[in-house]
Amino acid sequence: MPTPSVTVRDYQPADEPSWLRCRALSFLGSAYFDDVKPRRTRENQIELVAVLRAASAGADDVVGILDVEIDGDLATIDTLAVHPDHQGLGIASALLEEALRCLPQAVTTLDAWTRDDEPALAWYRSRGFEESDHYLHVYKTSDTPDEGWSAPEGLSAPVLAFAHGSIEDEAAMRERFERVHVCRRFARSI
């Protein structure tokens, strides 16, 4: 089957519905499966989309997204996602290459934080990123005992919660909580 023609360009407000679908569907098969957003909530300095022209509608269909925040000499990938129907076609790499061209000269490091999804970890490593800092993403679910959890007066202990934890406490957190992820920083010099 031939590879569809995909164009990388700047995000436009009209892309939002397709952007949201792409992000939700790509995250669904990852450790970020519940990081669903009903609308774009941040503005980033670099906002790119990979689009596939939908022949029947005459509109662009977002099949990949890459958002980058810039703070001085550090640029951080906020979101990188490729629609599951289009993964493995080089779309994430095309988005990364365009983002690298868009970075201001003052940027010396590009980094990203991601969880323990092997395909994502392998992709970052193959693109010259090196893994460094680690911490935990810990989830309390309704099945987790309430011991140690509190809430403002008049409310029960949290039914669901998301917290950061120290990597040194990983064994204890995994013993207590069903869902624990290692969040990893990947960085590359520019």
N, C-alpha and C. Protein backbone atom coordinates (compact mmCIF):
# COMPACT_ATOMS: atom_id res chain seq x y z
N MET A 1 0.85 -1.18 0.00
CA MET A 1 0.00 0.00 0.00
C MET A 1 0.89 1.24 0.00
N PRO A 2 0.64 2.23 -0.86
CA PRO A 2 1.49 3.42 -0.90
C PRO A 2 1.30 4.27 0.36
N THR A 3 2.39 4.97 0.77
CA THR A 3 2.32 5.86 1.91
C THR A 3 1.54 7.10 1.53
N PRO A 4 0.54 7.49 2.33
CA PRO A 4 -0.23 8.68 2.00
C PRO A 4 0.63 9.93 2.08
N SER A 5 0.25 10.95 1.32
CA SER A 5 0.98 12.20 1.31
C SER A 5 0.57 13.03 2.52
N VAL A 6 1.54 13.32 3.36
CA VAL A 6 1.30 14.07 4.58
C VAL A 6 2.10 15.36 4.51
N THR A 7 1.48 16.45 4.95
CA THR A 7 2.13 17.76 4.98
C THR A 7 2.27 18.20 6.42
N VAL A 8 3.44 18.70 6.79
CA VAL A 8 3.65 19.28 8.12
C VAL A 8 3.53 20.79 7.98
N ARG A 9 2.70 21.38 8.85
CA ARG A 9 2.48 22.83 8.82
C ARG A 9 2.15 23.32 10.22
N ASP A 10 2.03 24.64 10.36
CA ASP A 10 1.64 25.23 11.64
C ASP A 10 0.19 24.88 11.95
N TYR A 11 -0.08 24.69 13.24
CA TYR A 11 -1.44 24.46 13.73
C TYR A 11 -2.28 25.71 13.46
N GLN A 12 -3.53 25.50 13.09
CA GLN A 12 -4.49 26.58 12.89
C GLN A 12 -5.70 26.30 13.78
N PRO A 13 -6.36 27.34 14.30
CA PRO A 13 -7.53 27.11 15.18
C PRO A 13 -8.58 26.17 14.58
N ALA A 14 -8.76 26.17 13.27
CA ALA A 14 -9.74 25.27 12.64
C ALA A 14 -9.33 23.81 12.77
N ASP A 15 -8.07 23.53 13.13
CA ASP A 15 -7.58 22.16 13.30
C ASP A 15 -8.01 21.54 14.63
N GLU A 16 -8.55 22.33 15.54
CA GLU A 16 -8.78 21.83 16.91
C GLU A 16 -9.57 20.53 16.98
N PRO A 17 -10.72 20.37 16.33
CA PRO A 17 -11.45 19.09 16.46
C PRO A 17 -10.62 17.89 15.99
N SER A 18 -9.94 18.03 14.86
CA SER A 18 -9.13 16.95 14.33
C SER A 18 -7.89 16.72 15.20
N TRP A 19 -7.32 17.80 15.74
CA TRP A 19 -6.17 17.73 16.66
C TRP A 19 -6.56 16.92 17.89
N LEU A 20 -7.74 17.23 18.46
CA LEU A 20 -8.21 16.53 19.66
C LEU A 20 -8.43 15.04 19.39
N ARG A 21 -9.03 14.71 18.24
CA ARG A 21 -9.24 13.30 17.89
C ARG A 21 -7.91 12.58 17.75
N CYS A 22 -6.96 13.21 17.07
CA CYS A 22 -5.64 12.60 16.88
C CYS A 22 -4.97 12.34 18.22
N ARG A 23 -4.99 13.34 19.10
CA ARG A 23 -4.35 13.20 20.41
C ARG A 23 -5.03 12.11 21.23
N ALA A 24 -6.36 12.14 21.30
CA ALA A 24 -7.09 11.15 22.11
C ALA A 24 -6.85 9.73 21.60
N LEU A 25 -6.95 9.53 20.30
CA LEU A 25 -6.77 8.18 19.75
C LEU A 25 -5.34 7.68 19.89
N SER A 26 -4.37 8.57 19.72
CA SER A 26 -2.98 8.12 19.86
C SER A 26 -2.64 7.85 21.31
N PHE A 27 -3.17 8.64 22.25
CA PHE A 27 -2.90 8.42 23.66
C PHE A 27 -3.62 7.18 24.18
N LEU A 28 -4.73 6.82 23.56
CA LEU A 28 -5.54 5.69 24.04
C LEU A 28 -4.73 4.41 24.14
N GLY A 29 -3.79 4.19 23.23
CA GLY A 29 -2.97 2.99 23.24
C GLY A 29 -1.67 3.14 23.99
N SER A 30 -1.57 4.16 24.86
CA SER A 30 -0.33 4.43 25.58
C SER A 30 -0.58 4.49 27.08
N ALA A 31 0.48 4.71 27.83
CA ALA A 31 0.36 4.86 29.28
C ALA A 31 -0.34 6.16 29.65
N TYR A 32 -0.54 7.04 28.70
CA TYR A 32 -1.28 8.30 28.90
C TYR A 32 -2.73 8.16 28.47
N PHE A 33 -3.28 6.95 28.48
CA PHE A 33 -4.60 6.69 27.92
C PHE A 33 -5.72 7.55 28.50
N ASP A 34 -5.54 8.04 29.71
CA ASP A 34 -6.62 8.84 30.31
C ASP A 34 -6.32 10.34 30.29
N ASP A 35 -5.28 10.77 29.60
CA ASP A 35 -4.95 12.20 29.51
C ASP A 35 -5.71 12.81 28.33
N VAL A 36 -7.03 12.73 28.42
CA VAL A 36 -7.93 13.20 27.37
C VAL A 36 -8.30 14.65 27.65
N LYS A 37 -8.36 15.45 26.61
CA LYS A 37 -8.72 16.87 26.75
C LYS A 37 -9.92 17.16 25.86
N PRO A 38 -10.88 17.95 26.37
CA PRO A 38 -12.03 18.34 25.54
C PRO A 38 -11.74 19.53 24.64
N ARG A 39 -10.60 20.22 24.89
CA ARG A 39 -10.18 21.36 24.06
C ARG A 39 -8.68 21.58 24.26
N ARG A 40 -8.08 22.31 23.35
CA ARG A 40 -6.66 22.67 23.53
C ARG A 40 -6.58 23.62 24.70
N THR A 41 -5.71 23.32 25.65
CA THR A 41 -5.66 24.12 26.86
C THR A 41 -4.41 24.96 27.00
N ARG A 42 -3.46 24.81 26.13
CA ARG A 42 -2.20 25.55 26.23
C ARG A 42 -1.84 26.14 24.89
N GLU A 43 -1.11 27.21 24.97
CA GLU A 43 -0.49 27.74 23.77
C GLU A 43 1.00 27.51 23.89
N ASN A 44 1.59 27.00 22.85
CA ASN A 44 3.02 26.72 22.83
C ASN A 44 3.67 27.59 21.76
N GLN A 45 4.97 27.77 21.87
CA GLN A 45 5.66 28.60 20.89
C GLN A 45 5.75 27.93 19.53
N ILE A 46 5.84 26.61 19.52
CA ILE A 46 5.85 25.86 18.26
C ILE A 46 4.67 24.90 18.31
N GLU A 47 3.77 25.02 17.36
CA GLU A 47 2.58 24.16 17.30
C GLU A 47 2.47 23.64 15.87
N LEU A 48 2.81 22.38 15.69
CA LEU A 48 2.82 21.79 14.36
C LEU A 48 1.79 20.67 14.25
N VAL A 49 1.28 20.50 13.05
CA VAL A 49 0.41 19.36 12.76
C VAL A 49 0.88 18.72 11.47
N ALA A 50 0.68 17.42 11.37
CA ALA A 50 0.87 16.69 10.12
C ALA A 50 -0.54 16.42 9.62
N VAL A 51 -0.81 16.82 8.40
CA VAL A 51 -2.18 16.69 7.88
C VAL A 51 -2.21 15.85 6.62
N LEU A 52 -3.34 15.18 6.47
CA LEU A 52 -3.63 14.37 5.31
C LEU A 52 -4.89 14.97 4.71
N ARG A 53 -4.84 15.37 3.47
CA ARG A 53 -6.01 15.98 2.85
C ARG A 53 -7.08 14.93 2.66
N ALA A 54 -8.26 15.21 3.22
CA ALA A 54 -9.41 14.32 3.06
C ALA A 54 -10.07 14.66 1.74
N ALA A 55 -9.96 13.78 0.78
CA ALA A 55 -10.45 14.05 -0.57
C ALA A 55 -11.93 14.36 -0.61
N SER A 56 -12.73 13.64 0.16
CA SER A 56 -14.17 13.83 0.09
C SER A 56 -14.61 15.14 0.71
N ALA A 57 -13.97 15.55 1.82
CA ALA A 57 -14.41 16.76 2.52
C ALA A 57 -13.66 17.99 2.07
N GLY A 58 -12.51 17.81 1.40
CA GLY A 58 -11.72 18.96 1.00
C GLY A 58 -11.07 19.65 2.19
N ALA A 59 -11.02 19.00 3.32
CA ALA A 59 -10.42 19.58 4.53
C ALA A 59 -9.21 18.74 4.94
N ASP A 60 -8.36 19.36 5.75
CA ASP A 60 -7.20 18.65 6.25
C ASP A 60 -7.59 17.82 7.45
N ASP A 61 -7.07 16.59 7.52
CA ASP A 61 -7.30 15.70 8.64
C ASP A 61 -5.98 15.59 9.39
N VAL A 62 -5.95 16.01 10.66
CA VAL A 62 -4.73 15.97 11.46
C VAL A 62 -4.41 14.52 11.82
N VAL A 63 -3.22 14.07 11.43
CA VAL A 63 -2.77 12.70 11.73
C VAL A 63 -1.54 12.69 12.62
N GLY A 64 -1.01 13.88 12.95
CA GLY A 64 0.14 13.98 13.84
C GLY A 64 0.20 15.37 14.44
N ILE A 65 0.68 15.47 15.68
CA ILE A 65 0.80 16.76 16.36
C ILE A 65 2.10 16.83 17.13
N LEU A 66 2.66 18.02 17.19
CA LEU A 66 3.86 18.28 17.98
C LEU A 66 3.79 19.71 18.49
N ASP A 67 3.76 19.86 19.81
CA ASP A 67 3.77 21.17 20.46
C ASP A 67 5.03 21.27 21.30
N VAL A 68 5.69 22.45 21.23
CA VAL A 68 6.94 22.67 21.94
C VAL A 68 6.86 23.99 22.72
N GLU A 69 7.21 23.92 23.99
CA GLU A 69 7.35 25.11 24.84
C GLU A 69 8.81 25.52 24.83
N ILE A 70 9.07 26.84 24.87
CA ILE A 70 10.44 27.33 24.89
C ILE A 70 10.61 28.24 26.10
N ASP A 71 11.67 27.97 26.87
CA ASP A 71 12.00 28.78 28.04
C ASP A 71 13.50 29.03 28.01
N GLY A 72 13.90 30.16 27.47
CA GLY A 72 15.32 30.49 27.36
C GLY A 72 16.03 29.55 26.42
N ASP A 73 17.03 28.82 26.94
CA ASP A 73 17.79 27.91 26.09
C ASP A 73 17.24 26.49 26.09
N LEU A 74 16.09 26.27 26.75
CA LEU A 74 15.47 24.95 26.82
C LEU A 74 14.15 24.93 26.07
N ALA A 75 13.99 23.95 25.20
CA ALA A 75 12.72 23.71 24.51
C ALA A 75 12.23 22.35 24.98
N THR A 76 10.94 22.27 25.32
CA THR A 76 10.36 21.04 25.84
C THR A 76 9.19 20.61 24.98
N ILE A 77 9.23 19.37 24.51
CA ILE A 77 8.10 18.81 23.76
C ILE A 77 6.96 18.61 24.76
N ASP A 78 5.86 19.32 24.53
CA ASP A 78 4.69 19.21 25.39
C ASP A 78 3.80 18.05 24.94
N THR A 79 3.57 17.95 23.64
CA THR A 79 2.75 16.87 23.09
C THR A 79 3.36 16.40 21.78
N LEU A 80 3.49 15.11 21.65
CA LEU A 80 3.87 14.48 20.39
C LEU A 80 2.98 13.26 20.24
N ALA A 81 2.20 13.23 19.17
CA ALA A 81 1.27 12.12 18.98
C ALA A 81 1.02 11.90 17.49
N VAL A 82 0.85 10.64 17.12
CA VAL A 82 0.50 10.27 15.75
C VAL A 82 -0.73 9.36 15.83
N HIS A 83 -1.72 9.67 15.01
CA HIS A 83 -2.94 8.86 14.95
C HIS A 83 -2.56 7.40 14.73
N PRO A 84 -3.19 6.47 15.46
CA PRO A 84 -2.81 5.05 15.35
C PRO A 84 -2.86 4.48 13.93
N ASP A 85 -3.75 4.98 13.08
CA ASP A 85 -3.84 4.49 11.71
C ASP A 85 -2.67 4.93 10.84
N HIS A 86 -1.83 5.84 11.36
CA HIS A 86 -0.75 6.40 10.56
C HIS A 86 0.61 6.27 11.25
N GLN A 87 0.68 5.47 12.31
CA GLN A 87 1.95 5.28 13.00
C GLN A 87 2.89 4.41 12.17
N GLY A 88 4.18 4.64 12.35
CA GLY A 88 5.20 3.86 11.65
C GLY A 88 5.49 4.34 10.25
N LEU A 89 4.97 5.53 9.88
CA LEU A 89 5.18 6.07 8.53
C LEU A 89 6.17 7.23 8.51
N GLY A 90 6.79 7.53 9.65
CA GLY A 90 7.77 8.62 9.71
C GLY A 90 7.16 9.97 10.03
N ILE A 91 5.91 10.00 10.43
CA ILE A 91 5.24 11.28 10.70
C ILE A 91 5.84 11.97 11.92
N ALA A 92 6.08 11.24 12.99
CA ALA A 92 6.68 11.84 14.19
C ALA A 92 8.06 12.40 13.87
N SER A 93 8.82 11.69 13.06
CA SER A 93 10.16 12.18 12.69
C SER A 93 10.06 13.43 11.83
N ALA A 94 9.10 13.47 10.92
CA ALA A 94 8.92 14.67 10.09
C ALA A 94 8.52 15.87 10.96
N LEU A 95 7.66 15.64 11.93
CA LEU A 95 7.28 16.72 12.86
C LEU A 95 8.49 17.20 13.65
N LEU A 96 9.29 16.26 14.14
CA LEU A 96 10.49 16.62 14.91
C LEU A 96 11.45 17.44 14.05
N GLU A 97 11.70 17.00 12.83
CA GLU A 97 12.62 17.73 11.95
C GLU A 97 12.15 19.16 11.70
N GLU A 98 10.85 19.34 11.50
CA GLU A 98 10.32 20.69 11.30
C GLU A 98 10.45 21.51 12.58
N ALA A 99 10.17 20.92 13.73
CA ALA A 99 10.30 21.64 15.00
C ALA A 99 11.75 22.08 15.21
N LEU A 100 12.70 21.22 14.88
CA LEU A 100 14.12 21.59 15.03
C LEU A 100 14.46 22.79 14.16
N ARG A 101 13.89 22.86 12.96
CA ARG A 101 14.13 24.01 12.07
C ARG A 101 13.52 25.30 12.64
N CYS A 102 12.45 25.16 13.41
CA CYS A 102 11.72 26.31 13.95
C CYS A 102 12.30 26.85 15.26
N LEU A 103 13.16 26.09 15.91
CA LEU A 103 13.69 26.52 17.21
C LEU A 103 14.55 27.76 17.08
N PRO A 104 14.41 28.71 18.00
CA PRO A 104 15.29 29.89 18.00
C PRO A 104 16.74 29.47 18.24
N GLN A 105 17.68 30.28 17.78
CA GLN A 105 19.09 29.96 17.93
C GLN A 105 19.52 29.86 19.39
N ALA A 106 18.81 30.53 20.29
CA ALA A 106 19.17 30.52 21.71
C ALA A 106 18.95 29.14 22.34
N VAL A 107 18.13 28.29 21.74
CA VAL A 107 17.84 26.97 22.31
C VAL A 107 19.04 26.05 22.12
N THR A 108 19.49 25.46 23.24
CA THR A 108 20.63 24.54 23.19
C THR A 108 20.22 23.10 23.51
N THR A 109 19.02 22.94 24.12
CA THR A 109 18.57 21.61 24.51
C THR A 109 17.09 21.45 24.19
N LEU A 110 16.75 20.31 23.62
CA LEU A 110 15.35 19.92 23.41
C LEU A 110 15.11 18.70 24.29
N ASP A 111 14.06 18.78 25.12
CA ASP A 111 13.76 17.62 25.96
C ASP A 111 12.29 17.25 25.88
N ALA A 112 11.98 16.11 26.48
CA ALA A 112 10.61 15.59 26.54
C ALA A 112 10.52 14.70 27.76
N TRP A 113 9.36 14.68 28.37
CA TRP A 113 9.08 13.77 29.47
C TRP A 113 8.07 12.76 28.98
N THR A 114 8.33 11.48 29.19
CA THR A 114 7.39 10.46 28.75
C THR A 114 7.37 9.31 29.75
N ARG A 115 6.37 8.49 29.62
CA ARG A 115 6.23 7.36 30.53
C ARG A 115 6.86 6.12 29.93
N ASP A 116 6.53 4.98 30.51
CA ASP A 116 7.17 3.72 30.18
C ASP A 116 6.49 2.98 29.03
N ASP A 117 6.36 3.65 27.89
CA ASP A 117 5.87 3.01 26.66
C ASP A 117 7.09 2.68 25.81
N GLU A 118 7.36 1.39 25.61
CA GLU A 118 8.57 0.98 24.90
C GLU A 118 8.72 1.60 23.50
N PRO A 119 7.65 1.65 22.69
CA PRO A 119 7.83 2.28 21.37
C PRO A 119 8.26 3.75 21.46
N ALA A 120 7.69 4.49 22.40
CA ALA A 120 8.07 5.90 22.57
C ALA A 120 9.51 6.01 23.05
N LEU A 121 9.89 5.18 24.02
CA LEU A 121 11.25 5.22 24.53
C LEU A 121 12.25 4.91 23.43
N ALA A 122 11.96 3.90 22.63
CA ALA A 122 12.85 3.52 21.52
C ALA A 122 12.93 4.64 20.49
N TRP A 123 11.80 5.29 20.20
CA TRP A 123 11.79 6.38 19.21
C TRP A 123 12.70 7.52 19.67
N TYR A 124 12.56 7.94 20.93
CA TYR A 124 13.40 9.04 21.43
C TYR A 124 14.88 8.65 21.38
N ARG A 125 15.19 7.44 21.80
CA ARG A 125 16.60 7.01 21.77
C ARG A 125 17.14 7.01 20.35
N SER A 126 16.34 6.55 19.39
CA SER A 126 16.81 6.49 18.00
C SER A 126 16.95 7.87 17.36
N ARG A 127 16.40 8.89 17.99
CA ARG A 127 16.49 10.26 17.46
C ARG A 127 17.54 11.08 18.19
N GLY A 128 18.42 10.41 18.95
CA GLY A 128 19.53 11.09 19.60
C GLY A 128 19.23 11.66 20.97
N PHE A 129 18.09 11.34 21.54
CA PHE A 129 17.77 11.79 22.89
C PHE A 129 18.39 10.82 23.90
N GLU A 130 18.85 11.35 25.02
CA GLU A 130 19.41 10.53 26.08
C GLU A 130 18.53 10.63 27.31
N GLU A 131 18.31 9.49 27.95
CA GLU A 131 17.46 9.42 29.13
C GLU A 131 18.24 9.87 30.36
N SER A 132 17.56 10.66 31.22
CA SER A 132 18.24 11.10 32.44
C SER A 132 17.29 11.02 33.64
N ASP A 133 16.69 12.12 34.01
CA ASP A 133 15.91 12.21 35.24
C ASP A 133 14.68 11.31 35.22
N HIS A 134 14.29 10.86 36.42
CA HIS A 134 13.13 9.98 36.56
C HIS A 134 12.34 10.35 37.82
N TYR A 135 11.04 10.22 37.74
CA TYR A 135 10.19 10.29 38.92
C TYR A 135 8.95 9.45 38.62
N LEU A 136 8.06 9.33 39.58
CA LEU A 136 6.89 8.46 39.43
C LEU A 136 5.61 9.24 39.19
N HIS A 137 4.74 8.67 38.37
CA HIS A 137 3.35 9.09 38.25
C HIS A 137 2.55 7.99 38.94
N VAL A 138 1.84 8.35 40.00
CA VAL A 138 1.12 7.39 40.82
C VAL A 138 -0.37 7.72 40.80
N TYR A 139 -1.20 6.71 40.59
CA TYR A 139 -2.64 6.89 40.52
C TYR A 139 -3.33 6.15 41.66
N LYS A 140 -4.19 6.87 42.36
CA LYS A 140 -5.08 6.25 43.33
C LYS A 140 -6.40 6.02 42.61
N THR A 141 -6.91 4.82 42.70
CA THR A 141 -8.21 4.50 42.10
C THR A 141 -9.21 4.23 43.21
N SER A 142 -10.43 3.99 42.82
CA SER A 142 -11.46 3.69 43.82
C SER A 142 -11.17 2.39 44.57
N ASP A 143 -10.33 1.55 44.01
CA ASP A 143 -9.96 0.29 44.67
C ASP A 143 -8.82 0.45 45.69
N THR A 144 -8.17 1.62 45.69
CA THR A 144 -7.06 1.86 46.60
C THR A 144 -7.60 2.27 47.96
N PRO A 145 -7.10 1.69 49.05
CA PRO A 145 -7.57 2.11 50.38
C PRO A 145 -7.35 3.61 50.60
N ASP A 146 -8.23 4.21 51.39
CA ASP A 146 -8.18 5.65 51.64
C ASP A 146 -7.13 6.05 52.67
N GLU A 147 -6.52 5.08 53.32
CA GLU A 147 -5.52 5.37 54.35
C GLU A 147 -4.46 6.33 53.82
N GLY A 148 -4.25 7.41 54.57
CA GLY A 148 -3.24 8.40 54.21
C GLY A 148 -3.74 9.50 53.29
N TRP A 149 -4.95 9.37 52.80
CA TRP A 149 -5.51 10.39 51.90
C TRP A 149 -6.49 11.26 52.69
N SER A 150 -6.48 12.53 52.44
CA SER A 150 -7.43 13.42 53.11
C SER A 150 -7.94 14.44 52.10
N ALA A 151 -9.01 15.11 52.50
CA ALA A 151 -9.63 16.11 51.65
C ALA A 151 -10.17 17.23 52.54
N PRO A 152 -10.55 18.35 51.96
CA PRO A 152 -11.13 19.43 52.78
C PRO A 152 -12.36 18.93 53.54
N GLU A 153 -12.63 19.56 54.66
CA GLU A 153 -13.76 19.17 55.50
C GLU A 153 -15.05 19.13 54.68
N GLY A 154 -15.84 18.09 54.92
CA GLY A 154 -17.10 17.92 54.21
C GLY A 154 -16.98 17.03 52.99
N LEU A 155 -15.75 16.65 52.61
CA LEU A 155 -15.54 15.78 51.46
C LEU A 155 -14.91 14.47 51.90
N SER A 156 -15.16 13.44 51.12
CA SER A 156 -14.52 12.15 51.40
C SER A 156 -13.06 12.20 50.96
N ALA A 157 -12.31 11.19 51.31
CA ALA A 157 -10.96 11.05 50.75
C ALA A 157 -11.11 10.93 49.24
N PRO A 158 -10.12 11.33 48.46
CA PRO A 158 -10.25 11.25 47.01
C PRO A 158 -10.58 9.84 46.52
N VAL A 159 -11.50 9.76 45.58
CA VAL A 159 -11.84 8.49 44.95
C VAL A 159 -10.79 8.18 43.89
N LEU A 160 -10.39 9.22 43.14
CA LEU A 160 -9.33 9.12 42.13
C LEU A 160 -8.33 10.23 42.39
N ALA A 161 -7.05 9.93 42.21
CA ALA A 161 -6.02 10.96 42.40
C ALA A 161 -4.82 10.62 41.54
N PHE A 162 -4.10 11.67 41.14
CA PHE A 162 -2.85 11.54 40.40
C PHE A 162 -1.80 12.31 41.19
N ALA A 163 -0.67 11.67 41.46
CA ALA A 163 0.38 12.31 42.26
C ALA A 163 1.75 11.97 41.69
N HIS A 164 2.71 12.84 42.00
CA HIS A 164 4.10 12.57 41.65
C HIS A 164 4.77 11.92 42.86
N GLY A 165 5.71 11.04 42.59
CA GLY A 165 6.44 10.38 43.65
C GLY A 165 7.91 10.28 43.32
N SER A 166 8.71 10.04 44.32
CA SER A 166 10.15 9.89 44.17
C SER A 166 10.48 8.51 43.60
N ILE A 167 11.41 8.46 42.68
CA ILE A 167 11.82 7.19 42.08
C ILE A 167 12.38 6.25 43.15
N GLU A 168 12.94 6.80 44.22
CA GLU A 168 13.48 5.98 45.30
C GLU A 168 12.37 5.18 46.01
N ASP A 169 11.13 5.64 45.88
CA ASP A 169 10.01 4.97 46.54
C ASP A 169 9.24 4.05 45.59
N GLU A 170 9.83 3.72 44.45
CA GLU A 170 9.11 2.96 43.44
C GLU A 170 8.57 1.63 43.96
N ALA A 171 9.39 0.87 44.65
CA ALA A 171 8.94 -0.45 45.13
C ALA A 171 7.75 -0.31 46.07
N ALA A 172 7.82 0.63 46.99
CA ALA A 172 6.72 0.83 47.94
C ALA A 172 5.45 1.32 47.22
N MET A 173 5.62 2.18 46.24
CA MET A 173 4.46 2.69 45.51
C MET A 173 3.81 1.58 44.69
N ARG A 174 4.62 0.75 44.07
CA ARG A 174 4.07 -0.37 43.28
C ARG A 174 3.36 -1.39 44.18
N GLU A 175 3.83 -1.52 45.41
CA GLU A 175 3.19 -2.43 46.35
C GLU A 175 1.83 -1.90 46.79
N ARG A 176 1.73 -0.58 46.90
CA ARG A 176 0.50 0.03 47.41
C ARG A 176 -0.51 0.38 46.32
N PHE A 177 -0.02 0.79 45.14
CA PHE A 177 -0.89 1.29 44.09
C PHE A 177 -0.82 0.39 42.86
N GLU A 178 -1.96 0.21 42.24
CA GLU A 178 -2.06 -0.65 41.06
C GLU A 178 -1.42 0.00 39.82
N ARG A 179 -1.53 1.32 39.73
CA ARG A 179 -1.03 2.01 38.54
C ARG A 179 0.08 2.99 38.91
N VAL A 180 1.30 2.63 38.53
CA VAL A 180 2.49 3.45 38.78
C VAL A 180 3.29 3.46 37.49
N HIS A 181 3.68 4.65 37.04
CA HIS A 181 4.51 4.78 35.84
C HIS A 181 5.79 5.52 36.18
N VAL A 182 6.87 5.14 35.54
CA VAL A 182 8.11 5.90 35.64
C VAL A 182 8.06 6.96 34.55
N CYS A 183 8.16 8.21 34.96
CA CYS A 183 8.22 9.32 34.02
C CYS A 183 9.70 9.63 33.80
N ARG A 184 10.09 9.69 32.53
CA ARG A 184 11.52 9.79 32.18
C ARG A 184 11.76 11.04 31.34
N ARG A 185 12.87 11.71 31.61
CA ARG A 185 13.26 12.85 30.79
C ARG A 185 14.22 12.36 29.72
N PHE A 186 13.92 12.75 28.49
CA PHE A 186 14.81 12.51 27.36
C PHE A 186 15.26 13.87 26.86
N ALA A 187 16.56 14.04 26.63
CA ALA A 187 17.08 15.33 26.16
C ALA A 187 18.12 15.10 25.08
N ARG A 188 18.20 16.10 24.21
CA ARG A 188 19.25 16.08 23.19
C ARG A 188 19.76 17.49 22.99
N SER A 189 21.05 17.59 22.77
CA SER A 189 21.65 18.89 22.49
C SER A 189 21.31 19.32 21.07
N ILE A 190 21.15 20.60 20.92
CA ILE A 190 20.82 21.17 19.60
C ILE A 190 22.07 21.78 18.99
